[in-house]
C-alpha atoms as a PDB file:
ATOM      1  CA  MET A   1     135.088 116.799  96.313  1.00  0.00           C
ATOM      2  CA  LEU A   2     136.048 119.437  93.775  1.00  0.00           C
ATOM      3  CA  ASP A   3     132.497 120.763  93.907  1.00  0.00           C
ATOM      4  CA  MET A   4     132.794 121.089  97.679  1.00  0.00           C
ATOM      5  CA  LEU A   5     136.019 123.082  97.327  1.00  0.00           C
ATOM      6  CA  VAL A   6     134.346 125.421  94.841  1.00  0.00           C
ATOM      7  CA  PHE A   7     131.467 126.207  97.194  1.00  0.00           C
ATOM      8  CA  ASN A   8     133.599 126.059 100.328  1.00  0.00           C
ATOM      9  CA  PRO A   9     137.141 127.137  99.393  1.00  0.00           C
ATOM     10  CA  PRO A  10     139.973 126.519 101.853  1.00  0.00           C
ATOM     11  CA  PRO A  11     141.975 129.327 103.482  1.00  0.00           C
ATOM     12  CA  ASP A  12     145.301 130.359 102.028  1.00  0.00           C
ATOM     13  CA  LYS A  13     147.756 127.539 102.647  1.00  0.00           C
ATOM     14  CA  THR A  14     150.766 129.832 102.857  1.00  0.00           C
ATOM     15  CA  ALA A  15     149.070 132.190 105.301  1.00  0.00           C
ATOM     16  CA  ASP A  16     147.721 129.543 107.676  1.00  0.00           C
ATOM     17  CA  GLY A  17     148.867 125.983 106.981  1.00  0.00           C
ATOM     18  CA  LEU A  18     147.089 124.462 109.993  1.00  0.00           C
ATOM     19  CA  ALA A  19     143.740 125.991 109.071  1.00  0.00           C
ATOM     20  CA  TRP A  20     144.181 124.791 105.480  1.00  0.00           C
ATOM     21  CA  ALA A  21     144.984 121.223 106.642  1.00  0.00           C
ATOM     22  CA  ALA A  22     141.993 121.167 109.014  1.00  0.00           C
ATOM     23  CA  HIS A  23     139.699 122.467 106.254  1.00  0.00           C
ATOM     24  CA  MET A  24     140.896 119.853 103.758  1.00  0.00           C
ATOM     25  CA  ALA A  25     140.519 117.045 106.320  1.00  0.00           C
ATOM     26  CA  GLU A  26     136.929 118.098 106.976  1.00  0.00           C
ATOM     27  CA  VAL A  27     136.200 118.219 103.246  1.00  0.00           C
ATOM     28  CA  HIS A  28     137.619 114.691 102.852  1.00  0.00           C
ATOM     29  CA  ARG A  29     135.439 113.404 105.704  1.00  0.00           C
ATOM     30  CA  THR A  30     132.348 115.043 104.227  1.00  0.00           C
ATOM     31  CA  ALA A  31     133.102 113.672 100.765  1.00  0.00           C
ATOM     32  CA  GLU A  32     133.549 110.136 102.130  1.00  0.00           C
ATOM     33  CA  LYS A  33     130.249 110.352 104.041  1.00  0.00           C
ATOM     34  CA  VAL A  34     128.401 111.591 100.955  1.00  0.00           C
ATOM     35  CA  MET A  35     129.895 108.787  98.862  1.00  0.00           C
ATOM     36  CA  LEU A  36     128.951 106.162 101.459  1.00  0.00           C
ATOM     37  CA  ASP A  37     125.411 107.546 101.710  1.00  0.00           C
ATOM     38  CA  GLU A  38     125.059 107.312  97.934  1.00  0.00           C
ATOM     39  CA  VAL A  39     126.231 103.683  97.949  1.00  0.00           C
ATOM     40  CA  VAL A  40     123.826 102.806 100.779  1.00  0.00           C
ATOM     41  CA  LEU A  41     121.004 104.456  98.844  1.00  0.00           C
ATOM     42  CA  ARG A  42     121.824 102.434  95.725  1.00  0.00           C
ATOM     43  CA  LEU A  43     121.827  99.238  97.776  1.00  0.00           C
ATOM     44  CA  THR A  44     118.472 100.152  99.297  1.00  0.00           C
ATOM     45  CA  VAL A  45     117.073 100.525  95.795  1.00  0.00           C
ATOM     46  CA  LYS A  46     118.567  97.138  94.937  1.00  0.00           C
ATOM     47  CA  ALA A  47     116.729  95.670  97.908  1.00  0.00           C
ATOM     48  CA  VAL A  48     113.428  96.597  96.329  1.00  0.00           C
ATOM     49  CA  MET A  49     114.535  94.953  93.094  1.00  0.00           C
ATOM     50  CA  LEU A  50     115.500  91.800  94.963  1.00  0.00           C
ATOM     51  CA  SER A  51     111.927  91.342  96.117  1.00  0.00           C
ATOM     52  CA  GLU A  52     110.883  90.853  92.478  1.00  0.00           C
ATOM     53  CA  ASP A  53     111.463  87.821  90.290  1.00  0.00           C
ATOM     54  CA  VAL A  54     115.020  87.616  89.027  1.00  0.00           C
ATOM     55  CA  ASP A  55     116.043  85.921  85.815  1.00  0.00           C
ATOM     56  CA  TYR A  56     119.151  83.913  86.594  1.00  0.00           C
ATOM     57  CA  GLY A  57     119.563  82.808  82.999  1.00  0.00           C
ATOM     58  CA  PRO A  58     120.076  79.167  81.977  1.00  0.00           C
ATOM     59  CA  HIS A  59     121.113  76.740  84.688  1.00  0.00           C
ATOM     60  CA  LEU A  60     124.723  75.614  84.493  1.00  0.00           C
ATOM     61  CA  GLU A  61     123.645  71.997  84.054  1.00  0.00           C
ATOM     62  CA  GLU A  62     121.471  72.921  81.039  1.00  0.00           C
ATOM     63  CA  ILE A  63     124.295  74.346  78.962  1.00  0.00           C
ATOM     64  CA  ASP A  64     127.708  73.305  77.773  1.00  0.00           C
ATOM     65  CA  HIS A  65     130.087  73.504  80.751  1.00  0.00           C
ATOM     66  CA  ASN A  66     132.608  75.907  79.352  1.00  0.00           C
ATOM     67  CA  ASN A  67     135.239  76.691  82.005  1.00  0.00           C
ATOM     68  CA  SER A  68     135.285  80.468  81.613  1.00  0.00           C
ATOM     69  CA  PHE A  69     131.485  80.689  81.415  1.00  0.00           C
ATOM     70  CA  GLU A  70     131.105  78.648  84.598  1.00  0.00           C
ATOM     71  CA  LYS A  71     133.561  80.877  86.447  1.00  0.00           C
ATOM     72  CA  THR A  72     131.740  83.970  85.223  1.00  0.00           C
ATOM     73  CA  GLN A  73     128.378  82.602  86.362  1.00  0.00           C
ATOM     74  CA  LYS A  74     129.731  81.654  89.768  1.00  0.00           C
ATOM     75  CA  TYR A  75     131.249  85.115  90.124  1.00  0.00           C
ATOM     76  CA  ARG A  76     127.951  86.768  89.196  1.00  0.00           C
ATOM     77  CA  LEU A  77     125.960  84.588  91.583  1.00  0.00           C
ATOM     78  CA  SER A  78     128.488  85.276  94.316  1.00  0.00           C
ATOM     79  CA  ASN A  79     128.127  89.016  93.731  1.00  0.00           C
ATOM     80  CA  PHE A  80     124.347  88.725  93.719  1.00  0.00           C
ATOM     81  CA  LYS A  81     124.406  86.796  97.006  1.00  0.00           C
ATOM     82  CA  ARG A  82     126.717  89.356  98.598  1.00  0.00           C
ATOM     83  CA  HIS A  83     124.529  92.249  97.419  1.00  0.00           C
ATOM     84  CA  ALA A  84     121.424  90.445  98.673  1.00  0.00           C
ATOM     85  CA  GLU A  85     122.980  89.892 102.109  1.00  0.00           C
ATOM     86  CA  THR A  86     124.031  93.542 102.190  1.00  0.00           C
ATOM     87  CA  CYS A  87     120.552  94.741 101.300  1.00  0.00           C
ATOM     88  CA  ASN A  88     118.924  92.449 103.852  1.00  0.00           C
ATOM     89  CA  PHE A  89     121.166  93.838 106.581  1.00  0.00           C
ATOM     90  CA  LEU A  90     120.448  97.447 105.599  1.00  0.00           C
ATOM     91  CA  MET A  91     116.703  96.835 105.497  1.00  0.00           C
ATOM     92  CA  LYS A  92     116.709  94.910 108.794  1.00  0.00           C
ATOM     93  CA  TYR A  93     118.201  97.864 110.651  1.00  0.00           C
ATOM     94  CA  HIS A  94     116.522 100.561 108.500  1.00  0.00           C
ATOM     95  CA  ILE A  95     119.879 101.987 107.410  1.00  0.00           C
ATOM     96  CA  ASN A  96     119.856 104.690 104.754  1.00  0.00           C
ATOM     97  CA  GLU A  97     123.022 106.628 105.516  1.00  0.00           C
ATOM     98  CA  GLY A  98     126.604 105.942 106.522  1.00  0.00           C
ATOM     99  CA  GLU A  99     126.346 107.257 110.067  1.00  0.00           C
ATOM    100  CA  GLN A 100     123.462 104.887 110.819  1.00  0.00           C
ATOM    101  CA  LEU A 101     125.537 101.965 109.557  1.00  0.00           C
ATOM    102  CA  TYR A 102     128.413 102.997 111.817  1.00  0.00           C
ATOM    103  CA  ASN A 103     126.105 103.289 114.846  1.00  0.00           C
ATOM    104  CA  VAL A 104     124.490  99.901 114.209  1.00  0.00           C
ATOM    105  CA  VAL A 105     127.820  98.119 113.793  1.00  0.00           C
ATOM    106  CA  LYS A 106     129.208  99.788 116.929  1.00  0.00           C
ATOM    107  CA  LYS A 107     126.107  98.842 118.935  1.00  0.00           C
ATOM    108  CA  ILE A 108     126.352  95.198 117.830  1.00  0.00           C
ATOM    109  CA  SER A 109     130.101  95.066 118.551  1.00  0.00           C
ATOM    110  CA  ASP A 110     129.693  96.681 121.982  1.00  0.00           C
ATOM    111  CA  ARG A 111     126.920  94.253 122.917  1.00  0.00           C
ATOM    112  CA  HIS A 112     128.999  91.324 121.649  1.00  0.00           C
ATOM    113  CA  ALA A 113     131.887  92.381 123.906  1.00  0.00           C
ATOM    114  CA  ALA A 114     129.539  92.919 126.870  1.00  0.00           C
ATOM    115  CA  VAL A 115     127.982  89.467 126.430  1.00  0.00           C
ATOM    116  CA  ALA A 116     131.428  87.866 126.245  1.00  0.00           C
ATOM    117  CA  THR A 117     132.378  89.567 129.521  1.00  0.00           C
ATOM    118  CA  ALA A 118     129.114  88.466 131.170  1.00  0.00           C
ATOM    119  CA  ILE A 119     129.680  84.863 130.067  1.00  0.00           C
ATOM    120  CA  LYS A 120     133.187  84.862 131.566  1.00  0.00           C
ATOM    121  CA  GLU A 121     131.892  86.269 134.865  1.00  0.00           C
ATOM    122  CA  LYS A 122     129.130  83.669 135.109  1.00  0.00           C
ATOM    123  CA  MET A 123     131.539  80.861 134.234  1.00  0.00           C
ATOM    124  CA  ARG A 124     133.932  81.964 136.977  1.00  0.00           C
ATOM    125  CA  ARG A 125     131.095  81.908 139.518  1.00  0.00           C
ATOM    126  CA  LEU A 126     129.867  78.559 138.169  1.00  0.00           C
ATOM    127  CA  ASP A 127     133.366  77.103 138.591  1.00  0.00           C
ATOM    128  CA  THR A 128     133.348  78.256 142.219  1.00  0.00           C
ATOM    129  CA  LEU A 129     129.885  76.827 142.857  1.00  0.00           C
ATOM    130  CA  GLU A 130     130.803  73.524 141.230  1.00  0.00           C
ATOM    131  CA  LYS A 131     133.854  73.263 143.476  1.00  0.00           C
ATOM    132  CA  HIS A 132     131.646  73.994 146.527  1.00  0.00           C
ATOM    133  CA  LEU A 133     129.236  71.237 145.511  1.00  0.00           C
ATOM    134  CA  PHE A 134     131.989  68.728 144.704  1.00  0.00           C
ATOM    135  CA  MET A 135     133.660  69.366 148.051  1.00  0.00           C
ATOM    136  CA  ASN A 136     130.324  68.885 149.769  1.00  0.00           C
ATOM    137  CA  GLU A 137     130.046  65.478 148.079  1.00  0.00           C
ATOM    138  CA  TYR A 138     133.493  64.575 149.455  1.00  0.00           C
ATOM    139  CA  LEU A 139     132.262  65.507 152.913  1.00  0.00           C
ATOM    140  CA  LYS A 140     129.119  63.410 152.638  1.00  0.00           C
ATOM    141  CA  LEU A 141     130.766  60.372 151.042  1.00  0.00           C
ATOM    142  CA  ASN A 142     133.634  60.176 153.513  1.00  0.00           C
ATOM    143  CA  LYS A 143     132.008  61.480 156.679  1.00  0.00           C
ATOM    144  CA  SER A 144     131.217  58.060 158.150  1.00  0.00           C
ATOM    145  CA  VAL A 145     134.759  56.796 157.551  1.00  0.00           C
ATOM    146  CA  TYR A 146     136.301  59.903 159.081  1.00  0.00           C
ATOM    147  CA  ARG A 147     133.941  59.869 162.065  1.00  0.00           C
ATOM    148  CA  LYS A 148     134.820  56.245 162.783  1.00  0.00           C
ATOM    149  CA  TYR A 149     138.502  57.116 162.464  1.00  0.00           C
ATOM    150  CA  THR A 150     138.273  59.905 165.039  1.00  0.00           C
ATOM    151  CA  ARG A 151     136.369  57.702 167.511  1.00  0.00           C
ATOM    152  CA  LEU A 152     138.815  54.820 167.400  1.00  0.00           C
ATOM    153  CA  ASP A 153     141.283  54.118 170.101  1.00  0.00           C
ATOM    154  CA  PRO A 154     144.459  56.074 169.242  1.00  0.00           C
ATOM    155  CA  LYS A 155     146.391  52.800 169.139  1.00  0.00           C
ATOM    156  CA  LYS A 156     144.160  51.571 166.309  1.00  0.00           C
ATOM    157  CA  GLN A 157     143.942  54.834 164.336  1.00  0.00           C
ATOM    158  CA  ASN A 158     147.184  54.365 162.400  1.00  0.00           C
ATOM    159  CA  GLY A 159     146.137  51.005 161.022  1.00  0.00           C
ATOM    160  CA  TYR A 160     142.656  52.273 160.127  1.00  0.00           C
ATOM    161  CA  LYS A 161     144.107  55.396 158.508  1.00  0.00           C
ATOM    162  CA  ALA A 162     146.477  53.324 156.388  1.00  0.00           C
ATOM    163  CA  LYS A 163     143.519  51.288 155.142  1.00  0.00           C
ATOM    164  CA  HIS A 164     141.301  54.330 154.450  1.00  0.00           C
ATOM    165  CA  ALA A 165     143.926  56.945 153.600  1.00  0.00           C
ATOM    166  CA  VAL A 166     142.143  58.249 150.483  1.00  0.00           C
ATOM    167  CA  GLU A 167     138.762  58.721 152.175  1.00  0.00           C
ATOM    168  CA  ILE A 168     140.294  60.443 155.190  1.00  0.00           C
ATOM    169  CA  GLN A 169     142.439  62.720 153.034  1.00  0.00           C
ATOM    170  CA  LEU A 170     139.446  63.771 150.881  1.00  0.00           C
ATOM    171  CA  TYR A 171     137.353  64.506 153.944  1.00  0.00           C
ATOM    172  CA  GLU A 172     140.080  66.603 155.547  1.00  0.00           C
ATOM    173  CA  GLU A 173     140.675  68.535 152.319  1.00  0.00           C
ATOM    174  CA  ALA A 174     136.952  69.293 152.019  1.00  0.00           C
ATOM    175  CA  ARG A 175     136.726  70.246 155.696  1.00  0.00           C
ATOM    176  CA  ASP A 176     139.674  72.655 155.418  1.00  0.00           C
ATOM    177  CA  TYR A 177     138.306  74.042 152.149  1.00  0.00           C
ATOM    178  CA  PHE A 178     134.980  74.960 153.735  1.00  0.00           C
ATOM    179  CA  LYS A 179     136.697  76.473 156.770  1.00  0.00           C
ATOM    180  CA  ALA A 180     138.307  78.951 154.370  1.00  0.00           C
ATOM    181  CA  VAL A 181     135.094  79.478 152.397  1.00  0.00           C
ATOM    182  CA  MET A 182     133.024  80.154 155.504  1.00  0.00           C
ATOM    183  CA  ASN A 183     135.795  82.302 156.958  1.00  0.00           C
ATOM    184  CA  GLY A 184     135.627  80.566 160.304  1.00  0.00           C
ATOM    185  CA  ARG A 185     131.842  80.790 160.668  1.00  0.00           C
ATOM    186  CA  LYS A 186     130.066  77.768 162.125  1.00  0.00           C
ATOM    187  CA  ASP A 187     126.878  78.307 160.063  1.00  0.00           C
ATOM    188  CA  PRO A 188     125.541  75.293 158.101  1.00  0.00           C
ATOM    189  CA  LEU A 189     126.766  75.161 154.514  1.00  0.00           C
ATOM    190  CA  PRO A 190     124.194  76.843 152.207  1.00  0.00           C
ATOM    191  CA  ILE A 191     124.089  73.872 149.838  1.00  0.00           C
ATOM    192  CA  LYS A 192     120.501  74.448 148.660  1.00  0.00           C
ATOM    193  CA  SER A 193     121.281  78.087 147.928  1.00  0.00           C
ATOM    194  CA  TRP A 194     124.392  77.119 145.979  1.00  0.00           C
ATOM    195  CA  GLU A 195     122.472  74.520 143.972  1.00  0.00           C
ATOM    196  CA  LYS A 196     119.743  77.036 143.129  1.00  0.00           C
ATOM    197  CA  GLU A 197     122.288  79.657 142.128  1.00  0.00           C
ATOM    198  CA  TRP A 198     124.101  77.091 139.955  1.00  0.00           C
ATOM    199  CA  GLU A 199     120.876  76.220 138.113  1.00  0.00           C
ATOM    200  CA  THR A 200     119.995  79.898 137.580  1.00  0.00           C
ATOM    201  CA  LEU A 201     123.458  80.877 136.369  1.00  0.00           C
ATOM    202  CA  THR A 202     123.657  77.853 134.069  1.00  0.00           C
ATOM    203  CA  ALA A 203     120.391  78.824 132.369  1.00  0.00           C
ATOM    204  CA  GLU A 204     121.563  82.443 132.072  1.00  0.00           C
ATOM    205  CA  LYS A 205     124.892  81.301 130.657  1.00  0.00           C
ATOM    206  CA  TYR A 206     123.230  79.240 127.922  1.00  0.00           C
ATOM    207  CA  GLY A 207     121.019  82.206 127.039  1.00  0.00           C
ATOM    208  CA  LEU A 208     124.054  84.482 126.795  1.00  0.00           C
ATOM    209  CA  VAL A 209     125.975  81.925 124.730  1.00  0.00           C
ATOM    210  CA  ALA A 210     123.090  81.761 122.252  1.00  0.00           C
ATOM    211  CA  GLU A 211     123.020  85.562 122.065  1.00  0.00           C
ATOM    212  CA  TYR A 212     126.819  85.635 121.673  1.00  0.00           C
ATOM    213  CA  TYR A 213     126.684  83.428 118.563  1.00  0.00           C
ATOM    214  CA  GLU A 214     123.743  85.406 117.140  1.00  0.00           C
ATOM    215  CA  LEU A 215     125.722  88.618 117.566  1.00  0.00           C
ATOM    216  CA  ALA A 216     128.768  86.950 116.006  1.00  0.00           C
ATOM    217  CA  ASP A 217     126.629  86.166 112.951  1.00  0.00           C
ATOM    218  CA  GLU A 218     125.473  89.801 112.875  1.00  0.00           C
ATOM    219  CA  ILE A 219     129.079  90.964 112.984  1.00  0.00           C
ATOM    220  CA  LYS A 220     129.874  88.688 110.034  1.00  0.00           C
ATOM    221  CA  ALA A 221     126.870  90.150 108.219  1.00  0.00           C
ATOM    222  CA  ALA A 222     128.112  93.658 108.998  1.00  0.00           C
ATOM    223  CA  GLU A 223     131.551  92.743 107.628  1.00  0.00           C
ATOM    224  CA  THR A 224     129.829  91.489 104.463  1.00  0.00           C
ATOM    225  CA  VAL A 225     127.981  94.813 104.203  1.00  0.00           C
ATOM    226  CA  ILE A 226     131.180  96.817 104.584  1.00  0.00           C
ATOM    227  CA  ARG A 227     132.954  94.686 101.969  1.00  0.00           C
ATOM    228  CA  GLY A 228     129.926  94.998  99.705  1.00  0.00           C
ATOM    229  CA  LEU A 229     129.925  98.772 100.050  1.00  0.00           C
ATOM    230  CA  LYS A 230     133.623  98.934  99.264  1.00  0.00           C
ATOM    231  CA  MET A 231     133.193  96.686  96.212  1.00  0.00           C
ATOM    232  CA  MET A 232     130.216  98.722  95.029  1.00  0.00           C
ATOM    233  CA  GLU A 233     132.312 101.824  95.410  1.00  0.00           C
ATOM    234  CA  GLN A 234     135.168 100.221  93.461  1.00  0.00           C
ATOM    235  CA  ASP A 235     132.830  98.863  90.760  1.00  0.00           C
ATOM    236  CA  GLU A 236     131.057 102.175  90.207  1.00  0.00           C
ATOM    237  CA  PRO A 237     133.765 103.784  87.972  1.00  0.00           C
ATOM    238  CA  GLN A 238     133.860 100.660  85.762  1.00  0.00           C
ATOM    239  CA  ARG A 239     130.058 100.590  85.534  1.00  0.00           C
ATOM    240  CA  THR A 240     129.982 104.276  84.627  1.00  0.00           C
ATOM    241  CA  ARG A 241     132.577 103.813  81.876  1.00  0.00           C
ATOM    242  CA  ALA A 242     130.695 100.826  80.447  1.00  0.00           C
ATOM    243  CA  GLN A 243     127.470 102.819  80.355  1.00  0.00           C
ATOM    244  CA  ARG A 244     129.178 105.709  78.604  1.00  0.00           C
ATOM    245  CA  VAL A 245     130.610 103.346  76.002  1.00  0.00           C
ATOM    246  CA  ASN A 246     127.114 102.050  75.322  1.00  0.00           C
ATOM    247  CA  GLY A 247     125.756 105.594  75.042  1.00  0.00           C
ATOM    248  CA  MET A 248     123.574 105.186  78.136  1.00  0.00           C
ATOM    249  CA  GLU A 249     122.706 107.818  80.687  1.00  0.00           C
ATOM    250  CA  LEU A 250     123.275 107.241  84.375  1.00  0.00           C
END
């Protein structure tokens, strides 16, 4: 960032404080983007290395199980796994700079939200269709009982109704329900159409649910990438110091 200020100095803070603040904010944003791009580039290089044979050292079961050594090995393997997952994600989406990573994550998140909304809409319609079909079953199952009830002599209806109260009540509820659904129209109930729509929406729902969980896994992978980038960024100063102590060049 200091190099950026040398080549692109800010305006005088005392003369124009707002311009100075805006300039410094832009420099900070540029510096963060450059740093992220460098980290992504390093991880891309690591991805190439991951495709080669890696020496994991002796297996834990082949050596003396010293507590601190085991913890160190587990930590190293955990880091390696996280870096490998990060590299796989970057390679899968051909990411080589920070802005691309942002765009990919946003696209996945937006699609995830859109799929969730689509699933809710289809489930609401499926609930409605299922109620239509259940009510139609009530009509069919209790139609003969209700028809007999209405054709009885009025003097005998009360006794028959007491004996078949449940069937008559279910039929009347279904009848009134469909009067509201059909909005007073006398057209035949479109049962076949409802059944076909239910089958189609059910298949579409399962497809969306599968996509939803796939996208959820991608979001978890993206979170792993972001954590990996942050850890790489945090580890870089320590790695640089260690290399300097050993007299090595970056």
